[in-house]
Amino acid sequence: MSKDVKFNINLSVNGKDVVVQCKQGVQELGKALGTIPGKAEQGRMAMIKWSAVSTIYNNLYNGLQQLGWT
């Protein structure tokens, strides 16, 4: 059984159709595709942390406004 996968990619570049032939090892392709969920989870966690920090600063600023400090 072949360890390579061959496929064509149809692209439109500047209004012209271009066919690109790609050949990728199955293990390499699987490894690359396997990293996507991990990277997506890292991005999600970063957004959650940013949201929490943003909320803290917003609450702090609102509290200072209520005290008349700003």
N, C-alpha and C. Protein backbone atom coordinates (compact mmCIF):
# COMPACT_ATOMS: atom_id res chain seq x y z
N MET A 1 0.84 -1.18 0.00
CA MET A 1 0.00 0.00 0.00
C MET A 1 0.89 1.25 0.00
N SER A 2 0.53 2.22 -0.78
CA SER A 2 1.31 3.43 -0.92
C SER A 2 1.26 4.27 0.34
N LYS A 3 2.37 4.91 0.66
CA LYS A 3 2.43 5.79 1.82
C LYS A 3 2.24 7.24 1.43
N ASP A 4 2.00 7.48 0.15
CA ASP A 4 1.82 8.84 -0.33
C ASP A 4 0.40 9.06 -0.81
N VAL A 5 -0.04 10.29 -0.66
CA VAL A 5 -1.35 10.69 -1.15
C VAL A 5 -1.11 11.78 -2.18
N LYS A 6 -1.69 11.63 -3.35
CA LYS A 6 -1.53 12.62 -4.41
C LYS A 6 -2.90 13.25 -4.66
N PHE A 7 -2.93 14.57 -4.70
CA PHE A 7 -4.19 15.26 -4.95
C PHE A 7 -3.92 16.56 -5.68
N ASN A 8 -4.94 17.08 -6.32
CA ASN A 8 -4.86 18.35 -7.04
C ASN A 8 -5.62 19.41 -6.26
N ILE A 9 -5.09 20.61 -6.28
CA ILE A 9 -5.75 21.74 -5.66
C ILE A 9 -6.07 22.74 -6.77
N ASN A 10 -7.32 23.10 -6.90
CA ASN A 10 -7.74 24.09 -7.89
C ASN A 10 -7.81 25.45 -7.23
N LEU A 11 -7.01 26.38 -7.75
CA LEU A 11 -6.97 27.74 -7.21
C LEU A 11 -7.35 28.73 -8.30
N SER A 12 -7.86 29.85 -7.88
CA SER A 12 -8.12 30.94 -8.81
C SER A 12 -7.19 32.08 -8.41
N VAL A 13 -6.20 32.37 -9.27
CA VAL A 13 -5.21 33.41 -8.99
C VAL A 13 -5.37 34.50 -10.03
N ASN A 14 -5.70 35.68 -9.58
CA ASN A 14 -5.92 36.82 -10.49
C ASN A 14 -6.92 36.48 -11.58
N GLY A 15 -7.95 35.76 -11.24
CA GLY A 15 -9.00 35.41 -12.19
C GLY A 15 -8.67 34.24 -13.09
N LYS A 16 -7.49 33.64 -12.93
CA LYS A 16 -7.09 32.50 -13.75
C LYS A 16 -7.11 31.24 -12.89
N ASP A 17 -7.64 30.16 -13.45
CA ASP A 17 -7.65 28.89 -12.73
C ASP A 17 -6.27 28.25 -12.80
N VAL A 18 -5.78 27.82 -11.66
CA VAL A 18 -4.47 27.18 -11.57
C VAL A 18 -4.66 25.85 -10.87
N VAL A 19 -4.08 24.79 -11.42
CA VAL A 19 -4.13 23.47 -10.80
C VAL A 19 -2.75 23.18 -10.21
N VAL A 20 -2.72 22.90 -8.94
CA VAL A 20 -1.48 22.59 -8.25
C VAL A 20 -1.51 21.13 -7.84
N GLN A 21 -0.47 20.39 -8.18
CA GLN A 21 -0.40 18.99 -7.76
C GLN A 21 0.45 18.91 -6.50
N CYS A 22 -0.06 18.19 -5.52
CA CYS A 22 0.62 18.04 -4.25
C CYS A 22 0.80 16.57 -3.95
N LYS A 23 1.91 16.26 -3.32
CA LYS A 23 2.17 14.89 -2.90
C LYS A 23 2.70 14.97 -1.47
N GLN A 24 2.03 14.32 -0.58
CA GLN A 24 2.35 14.43 0.84
C GLN A 24 2.34 13.05 1.46
N GLY A 25 3.31 12.76 2.30
CA GLY A 25 3.32 11.50 3.02
C GLY A 25 2.13 11.41 3.95
N VAL A 26 1.51 10.25 4.04
CA VAL A 26 0.32 10.07 4.86
C VAL A 26 0.62 10.38 6.32
N GLN A 27 1.74 9.92 6.82
CA GLN A 27 2.08 10.17 8.22
C GLN A 27 2.29 11.66 8.47
N GLU A 28 2.98 12.33 7.54
CA GLU A 28 3.22 13.76 7.69
C GLU A 28 1.90 14.54 7.64
N LEU A 29 1.04 14.16 6.72
CA LEU A 29 -0.26 14.82 6.60
C LEU A 29 -1.09 14.60 7.86
N GLY A 30 -1.10 13.37 8.36
CA GLY A 30 -1.84 13.06 9.59
C GLY A 30 -1.30 13.85 10.78
N LYS A 31 0.00 13.98 10.84
CA LYS A 31 0.62 14.74 11.93
C LYS A 31 0.22 16.22 11.85
N ALA A 32 0.25 16.77 10.64
CA ALA A 32 -0.11 18.18 10.46
C ALA A 32 -1.58 18.40 10.82
N LEU A 33 -2.45 17.51 10.38
CA LEU A 33 -3.87 17.66 10.67
C LEU A 33 -4.16 17.41 12.15
N GLY A 34 -3.37 16.57 12.77
CA GLY A 34 -3.56 16.25 14.19
C GLY A 34 -3.23 17.41 15.11
N THR A 35 -2.42 18.35 14.65
CA THR A 35 -2.06 19.49 15.50
C THR A 35 -3.13 20.57 15.52
N ILE A 36 -4.06 20.54 14.57
CA ILE A 36 -5.08 21.59 14.47
C ILE A 36 -5.95 21.68 15.72
N PRO A 37 -6.49 20.57 16.25
CA PRO A 37 -7.32 20.71 17.46
C PRO A 37 -6.56 21.29 18.65
N GLY A 38 -5.30 20.92 18.80
CA GLY A 38 -4.49 21.46 19.90
C GLY A 38 -4.28 22.96 19.76
N LYS A 39 -4.00 23.40 18.55
CA LYS A 39 -3.79 24.82 18.30
C LYS A 39 -5.10 25.60 18.51
N ALA A 40 -6.20 25.00 18.09
CA ALA A 40 -7.50 25.66 18.29
C ALA A 40 -7.81 25.79 19.77
N GLU A 41 -7.49 24.77 20.55
CA GLU A 41 -7.72 24.81 21.99
C GLU A 41 -6.83 25.88 22.65
N GLN A 42 -5.59 25.98 22.20
CA GLN A 42 -4.69 27.01 22.73
C GLN A 42 -5.25 28.41 22.44
N GLY A 43 -5.76 28.60 21.23
CA GLY A 43 -6.35 29.88 20.87
C GLY A 43 -7.58 30.19 21.71
N ARG A 44 -8.40 29.17 21.95
CA ARG A 44 -9.60 29.35 22.77
C ARG A 44 -9.23 29.74 24.19
N MET A 45 -8.23 29.07 24.76
CA MET A 45 -7.81 29.38 26.12
C MET A 45 -7.22 30.79 26.21
N ALA A 46 -6.49 31.21 25.19
CA ALA A 46 -5.93 32.56 25.17
C ALA A 46 -7.05 33.60 25.14
N MET A 47 -8.10 33.33 24.38
CA MET A 47 -9.23 34.26 24.31
C MET A 47 -9.97 34.33 25.65
N ILE A 48 -10.11 33.19 26.32
CA ILE A 48 -10.76 33.17 27.63
C ILE A 48 -9.95 33.98 28.64
N LYS A 49 -8.61 33.82 28.62
CA LYS A 49 -7.76 34.57 29.54
C LYS A 49 -7.85 36.07 29.24
N TRP A 50 -7.83 36.43 27.96
CA TRP A 50 -7.93 37.84 27.58
C TRP A 50 -9.26 38.43 28.05
N SER A 51 -10.31 37.66 27.89
CA SER A 51 -11.63 38.12 28.31
C SER A 51 -11.67 38.36 29.82
N ALA A 52 -11.07 37.46 30.58
CA ALA A 52 -11.05 37.59 32.04
C ALA A 52 -10.26 38.83 32.46
N VAL A 53 -9.10 39.03 31.85
CA VAL A 53 -8.26 40.19 32.19
C VAL A 53 -8.98 41.47 31.80
N SER A 54 -9.61 41.47 30.65
CA SER A 54 -10.35 42.64 30.19
C SER A 54 -11.49 42.98 31.16
N THR A 55 -12.19 41.97 31.63
CA THR A 55 -13.28 42.18 32.58
C THR A 55 -12.77 42.75 33.90
N ILE A 56 -11.63 42.28 34.36
CA ILE A 56 -11.04 42.78 35.61
C ILE A 56 -10.71 44.26 35.48
N TYR A 57 -10.04 44.64 34.39
CA TYR A 57 -9.69 46.04 34.20
C TYR A 57 -10.93 46.91 34.03
N ASN A 58 -11.92 46.40 33.35
CA ASN A 58 -13.16 47.16 33.18
C ASN A 58 -13.84 47.39 34.54
N ASN A 59 -13.90 46.36 35.36
CA ASN A 59 -14.50 46.49 36.70
C ASN A 59 -13.70 47.46 37.57
N LEU A 60 -12.38 47.39 37.48
CA LEU A 60 -11.52 48.29 38.24
C LEU A 60 -11.77 49.74 37.82
N TYR A 61 -11.80 49.96 36.53
CA TYR A 61 -12.04 51.32 36.01
C TYR A 61 -13.41 51.84 36.43
N ASN A 62 -14.43 51.00 36.34
CA ASN A 62 -15.78 51.41 36.75
C ASN A 62 -15.83 51.72 38.25
N GLY A 63 -15.12 50.94 39.05
CA GLY A 63 -15.07 51.20 40.49
C GLY A 63 -14.41 52.52 40.80
N LEU A 64 -13.31 52.82 40.09
CA LEU A 64 -12.63 54.09 40.30
C LEU A 64 -13.50 55.26 39.85
N GLN A 65 -14.27 55.06 38.78
CA GLN A 65 -15.18 56.11 38.33
C GLN A 65 -16.25 56.39 39.40
N GLN A 66 -16.76 55.36 40.02
CA GLN A 66 -17.78 55.53 41.04
C GLN A 66 -17.23 56.25 42.27
N LEU A 67 -15.95 56.05 42.52
CA LEU A 67 -15.32 56.76 43.64
C LEU A 67 -14.95 58.18 43.28
N GLY A 68 -15.04 58.52 42.00
CA GLY A 68 -14.74 59.85 41.55
C GLY A 68 -13.25 60.10 41.34
N TRP A 69 -12.47 59.04 41.16
CA TRP A 69 -11.04 59.15 40.99
C TRP A 69 -10.63 59.40 39.54
N THR A 70 -11.56 59.23 38.62
CA THR A 70 -11.19 59.45 37.22
C THR A 70 -12.09 60.49 36.60
